[in-house]
C-alpha atoms as a PDB file:
ATOM      1  CA  MET A   1     154.190 167.681 -95.771  1.00  0.00           C
ATOM      2  CA  GLY A   2     150.739 169.336 -95.529  1.00  0.00           C
ATOM      3  CA  VAL A   3     149.145 166.937 -98.035  1.00  0.00           C
ATOM      4  CA  LEU A   4     150.665 164.197 -95.671  1.00  0.00           C
ATOM      5  CA  ASN A   5     149.320 166.142 -92.456  1.00  0.00           C
ATOM      6  CA  ASN A   6     145.735 166.072 -94.334  1.00  0.00           C
ATOM      7  CA  LEU A   7     145.756 162.481 -95.133  1.00  0.00           C
ATOM      8  CA  LEU A   8     147.040 161.251 -91.761  1.00  0.00           C
ATOM      9  CA  GLU A   9     144.765 163.048 -89.944  1.00  0.00           C
ATOM     10  CA  ASP A  10     141.701 161.927 -92.899  1.00  0.00           C
ATOM     11  CA  SER A  11     143.086 158.599 -92.025  1.00  0.00           C
ATOM     12  CA  LYS A  12     141.569 158.611 -88.631  1.00  0.00           C
ATOM     13  CA  THR A  13     138.036 158.484 -89.516  1.00  0.00           C
ATOM     14  CA  ILE A  14     138.285 155.991 -91.886  1.00  0.00           C
ATOM     15  CA  PRO A  15     136.755 152.952 -90.351  1.00  0.00           C
ATOM     16  CA  GLN A  16     139.060 150.586 -89.216  1.00  0.00           C
ATOM     17  CA  THR A  17     138.905 147.101 -90.535  1.00  0.00           C
ATOM     18  CA  PHE A  18     139.135 143.876 -87.834  1.00  0.00           C
ATOM     19  CA  ASP A  19     142.989 143.405 -89.683  1.00  0.00           C
ATOM     20  CA  TYR A  20     143.751 146.388 -89.247  1.00  0.00           C
ATOM     21  CA  LYS A  21     143.100 146.513 -85.795  1.00  0.00           C
ATOM     22  CA  LEU A  22     144.727 143.275 -85.151  1.00  0.00           C
ATOM     23  CA  ASP A  23     147.663 144.109 -86.461  1.00  0.00           C
ATOM     24  CA  ASN A  24     147.564 147.123 -84.550  1.00  0.00           C
ATOM     25  CA  VAL A  25     145.958 145.859 -81.121  1.00  0.00           C
ATOM     26  CA  ILE A  26     143.421 148.249 -80.859  1.00  0.00           C
ATOM     27  CA  PHE A  27     140.943 146.306 -80.192  1.00  0.00           C
ATOM     28  CA  THR A  28     137.517 147.894 -78.547  1.00  0.00           C
ATOM     29  CA  LEU A  29     134.743 145.485 -76.407  1.00  0.00           C
ATOM     30  CA  GLU A  30     132.633 146.427 -79.591  1.00  0.00           C
ATOM     31  CA  ASP A  31     134.805 144.184 -81.543  1.00  0.00           C
ATOM     32  CA  GLN A  32     134.408 140.946 -80.184  1.00  0.00           C
ATOM     33  CA  GLN A  33     131.248 140.038 -82.239  1.00  0.00           C
ATOM     34  CA  GLU A  34     133.796 140.308 -85.543  1.00  0.00           C
ATOM     35  CA  ALA A  35     136.177 138.204 -83.479  1.00  0.00           C
ATOM     36  CA  LEU A  36     133.608 135.492 -82.385  1.00  0.00           C
ATOM     37  CA  THR A  37     133.335 135.117 -86.272  1.00  0.00           C
ATOM     38  CA  ASN A  38     137.059 133.188 -86.791  1.00  0.00           C
ATOM     39  CA  PRO A  39     138.971 131.354 -84.506  1.00  0.00           C
ATOM     40  CA  GLU A  40     142.260 133.369 -85.171  1.00  0.00           C
ATOM     41  CA  TRP A  41     140.530 136.362 -84.283  1.00  0.00           C
ATOM     42  CA  SER A  42     138.722 135.258 -81.257  1.00  0.00           C
ATOM     43  CA  PHE A  43     142.846 134.109 -80.124  1.00  0.00           C
ATOM     44  CA  TRP A  44     143.791 137.467 -80.351  1.00  0.00           C
ATOM     45  CA  PHE A  45     140.907 139.452 -79.051  1.00  0.00           C
ATOM     46  CA  ALA A  46     141.465 137.425 -76.229  1.00  0.00           C
ATOM     47  CA  LYS A  47     144.737 137.646 -75.675  1.00  0.00           C
ATOM     48  CA  ALA A  48     144.244 141.545 -75.889  1.00  0.00           C
ATOM     49  CA  ASN A  49     142.450 140.922 -72.524  1.00  0.00           C
ATOM     50  CA  ILE A  50     139.796 143.772 -73.017  1.00  0.00           C
ATOM     51  CA  PRO A  51     137.910 143.825 -70.048  1.00  0.00           C
ATOM     52  CA  GLY A  52     134.148 142.542 -70.212  1.00  0.00           C
ATOM     53  CA  SER A  53     134.774 140.092 -72.862  1.00  0.00           C
ATOM     54  CA  ASP A  54     133.646 136.688 -72.890  1.00  0.00           C
ATOM     55  CA  ILE A  55     136.145 134.310 -72.603  1.00  0.00           C
ATOM     56  CA  LYS A  56     134.245 131.348 -73.063  1.00  0.00           C
ATOM     57  CA  ALA A  57     132.950 132.321 -76.393  1.00  0.00           C
ATOM     58  CA  LEU A  58     136.139 133.804 -77.233  1.00  0.00           C
ATOM     59  CA  GLN A  59     137.301 130.138 -76.444  1.00  0.00           C
ATOM     60  CA  ALA A  60     135.050 128.082 -78.115  1.00  0.00           C
ATOM     61  CA  LYS A  61     135.631 129.532 -81.631  1.00  0.00           C
ATOM     62  CA  ALA A  62     139.567 129.633 -80.938  1.00  0.00           C
ATOM     63  CA  CYS A  63     139.176 125.797 -79.975  1.00  0.00           C
ATOM     64  CA  GLU A  64     137.621 125.447 -83.297  1.00  0.00           C
ATOM     65  CA  ASP A  65     141.431 124.893 -84.719  1.00  0.00           C
ATOM     66  CA  PRO A  66     143.252 122.501 -83.084  1.00  0.00           C
ATOM     67  CA  TYR A  67     146.203 125.217 -83.155  1.00  0.00           C
ATOM     68  CA  TYR A  68     144.346 127.978 -81.401  1.00  0.00           C
ATOM     69  CA  ALA A  69     143.196 125.691 -78.869  1.00  0.00           C
ATOM     70  CA  TYR A  70     146.818 124.802 -78.018  1.00  0.00           C
ATOM     71  CA  ASN A  71     147.562 128.474 -78.066  1.00  0.00           C
ATOM     72  CA  PHE A  72     144.479 129.588 -76.071  1.00  0.00           C
ATOM     73  CA  ALA A  73     145.687 126.920 -73.174  1.00  0.00           C
ATOM     74  CA  LYS A  74     149.157 128.059 -73.701  1.00  0.00           C
ATOM     75  CA  TYR A  75     148.927 132.003 -73.380  1.00  0.00           C
ATOM     76  CA  ILE A  76     145.173 133.015 -71.880  1.00  0.00           C
ATOM     77  CA  SER A  77     144.995 133.180 -68.240  1.00  0.00           C
ATOM     78  CA  GLY A  78     141.447 131.021 -67.237  1.00  0.00           C
ATOM     79  CA  ALA A  79     141.435 129.281 -70.172  1.00  0.00           C
ATOM     80  CA  ASP A  80     139.720 126.166 -69.453  1.00  0.00           C
ATOM     81  CA  ILE A  81     142.511 123.631 -70.047  1.00  0.00           C
ATOM     82  CA  LYS A  82     140.412 120.292 -70.563  1.00  0.00           C
ATOM     83  CA  TYR A  83     138.341 122.173 -72.848  1.00  0.00           C
ATOM     84  CA  CYS A  84     141.332 123.786 -75.052  1.00  0.00           C
ATOM     85  CA  GLN A  85     143.103 119.838 -74.825  1.00  0.00           C
ATOM     86  CA  GLU A  86     139.902 118.040 -75.979  1.00  0.00           C
ATOM     87  CA  HIS A  87     139.892 120.053 -79.077  1.00  0.00           C
ATOM     88  CA  ALA A  88     143.305 120.604 -80.044  1.00  0.00           C
ATOM     89  CA  CYS A  89     143.955 116.770 -79.693  1.00  0.00           C
ATOM     90  CA  LYS A  90     142.032 116.454 -82.888  1.00  0.00           C
ATOM     91  CA  GLU A  91     145.175 117.143 -84.357  1.00  0.00           C
ATOM     92  CA  PRO A  92     148.476 114.415 -83.450  1.00  0.00           C
ATOM     93  CA  ARG A  93     151.075 117.135 -83.621  1.00  0.00           C
ATOM     94  CA  TRP A  94     149.096 119.308 -81.434  1.00  0.00           C
ATOM     95  CA  ALA A  95     148.243 116.096 -78.638  1.00  0.00           C
ATOM     96  CA  TYR A  96     151.933 116.078 -78.215  1.00  0.00           C
ATOM     97  CA  ILE A  97     152.802 119.805 -78.892  1.00  0.00           C
ATOM     98  CA  PHE A  98     150.352 119.862 -76.104  1.00  0.00           C
ATOM     99  CA  ALA A  99     151.413 117.372 -73.725  1.00  0.00           C
ATOM    100  CA  ILE A 100     155.030 119.074 -73.752  1.00  0.00           C
ATOM    101  CA  ASP A 101     153.907 122.994 -73.248  1.00  0.00           C
ATOM    102  CA  ILE A 102     150.953 122.831 -70.978  1.00  0.00           C
ATOM    103  CA  PRO A 103     151.135 122.595 -67.435  1.00  0.00           C
ATOM    104  CA  GLY A 104     148.188 120.506 -66.022  1.00  0.00           C
ATOM    105  CA  ALA A 105     147.674 117.774 -69.822  1.00  0.00           C
ATOM    106  CA  ASP A 106     146.368 115.162 -69.128  1.00  0.00           C
ATOM    107  CA  ILE A 107     149.271 113.036 -70.328  1.00  0.00           C
ATOM    108  CA  LYS A 108     147.339 110.012 -71.269  1.00  0.00           C
ATOM    109  CA  TYR A 109     145.061 111.577 -73.397  1.00  0.00           C
ATOM    110  CA  CYS A 110     147.324 113.402 -75.633  1.00  0.00           C
ATOM    111  CA  GLN A 111     149.223 110.405 -75.777  1.00  0.00           C
ATOM    112  CA  GLU A 112     146.584 108.347 -77.040  1.00  0.00           C
ATOM    113  CA  HIS A 113     145.661 111.252 -79.769  1.00  0.00           C
ATOM    114  CA  ALA A 114     149.049 111.550 -81.160  1.00  0.00           C
ATOM    115  CA  CYS A 115     149.407 107.815 -81.127  1.00  0.00           C
ATOM    116  CA  LYS A 116     146.971 108.064 -84.075  1.00  0.00           C
ATOM    117  CA  LYS A 117     150.326 108.802 -86.322  1.00  0.00           C
ATOM    118  CA  PRO A 118     153.628 107.032 -86.212  1.00  0.00           C
ATOM    119  CA  ASN A 119     155.823 109.718 -86.401  1.00  0.00           C
ATOM    120  CA  TRP A 120     154.001 111.382 -83.341  1.00  0.00           C
ATOM    121  CA  ALA A 121     154.339 108.625 -81.573  1.00  0.00           C
ATOM    122  CA  HIS A 122     157.773 108.148 -81.568  1.00  0.00           C
ATOM    123  CA  MET A 123     157.949 111.884 -80.432  1.00  0.00           C
ATOM    124  CA  PHE A 124     155.653 110.819 -77.636  1.00  0.00           C
ATOM    125  CA  ALA A 125     158.237 108.298 -76.531  1.00  0.00           C
ATOM    126  CA  SER A 126     161.303 109.731 -76.962  1.00  0.00           C
ATOM    127  CA  HIS A 127     160.385 113.329 -75.413  1.00  0.00           C
ATOM    128  CA  ILE A 128     157.784 112.699 -72.692  1.00  0.00           C
ATOM    129  CA  PRO A 129     158.829 111.814 -69.747  1.00  0.00           C
ATOM    130  CA  ASP A 130     155.465 110.137 -68.406  1.00  0.00           C
ATOM    131  CA  ALA A 131     154.849 108.300 -72.013  1.00  0.00           C
ATOM    132  CA  ASP A 132     153.261 104.819 -72.017  1.00  0.00           C
ATOM    133  CA  MET A 133     156.331 103.133 -74.330  1.00  0.00           C
ATOM    134  CA  GLY A 134     154.406  99.784 -75.383  1.00  0.00           C
ATOM    135  CA  TYR A 135     151.147 102.434 -76.011  1.00  0.00           C
ATOM    136  CA  CYS A 136     153.419 103.932 -78.392  1.00  0.00           C
ATOM    137  CA  ARG A 137     154.419 100.901 -80.267  1.00  0.00           C
END
């Protein structure tokens, strides 16, 4: 047990990687700069809701990836929905999902982008109550 206790005690002094902090949700405000190097990290850092975080900068980085743009709009309070929508809709799949899941989504804008691929146009017409059926065809 002595070796294990020493190992555990020593591990507290080893610098932790961002991935380790992400897995254990132990961010501090000082980790924000590193979070801003990756869309996924920016999303998770924003989700941790660290006081003093720069939400606009985190949103800008997260929105470089349509998936994280959608997630930012869905899970981060105070997200700029219009900004997230613009970036999520760069991929038809996320345009469709954005229209379904995000209150306040501009359905017409989402439809315009979802309908760039036939399968998402079909899904949009089938599942979005306010869809313009003529546009989806």
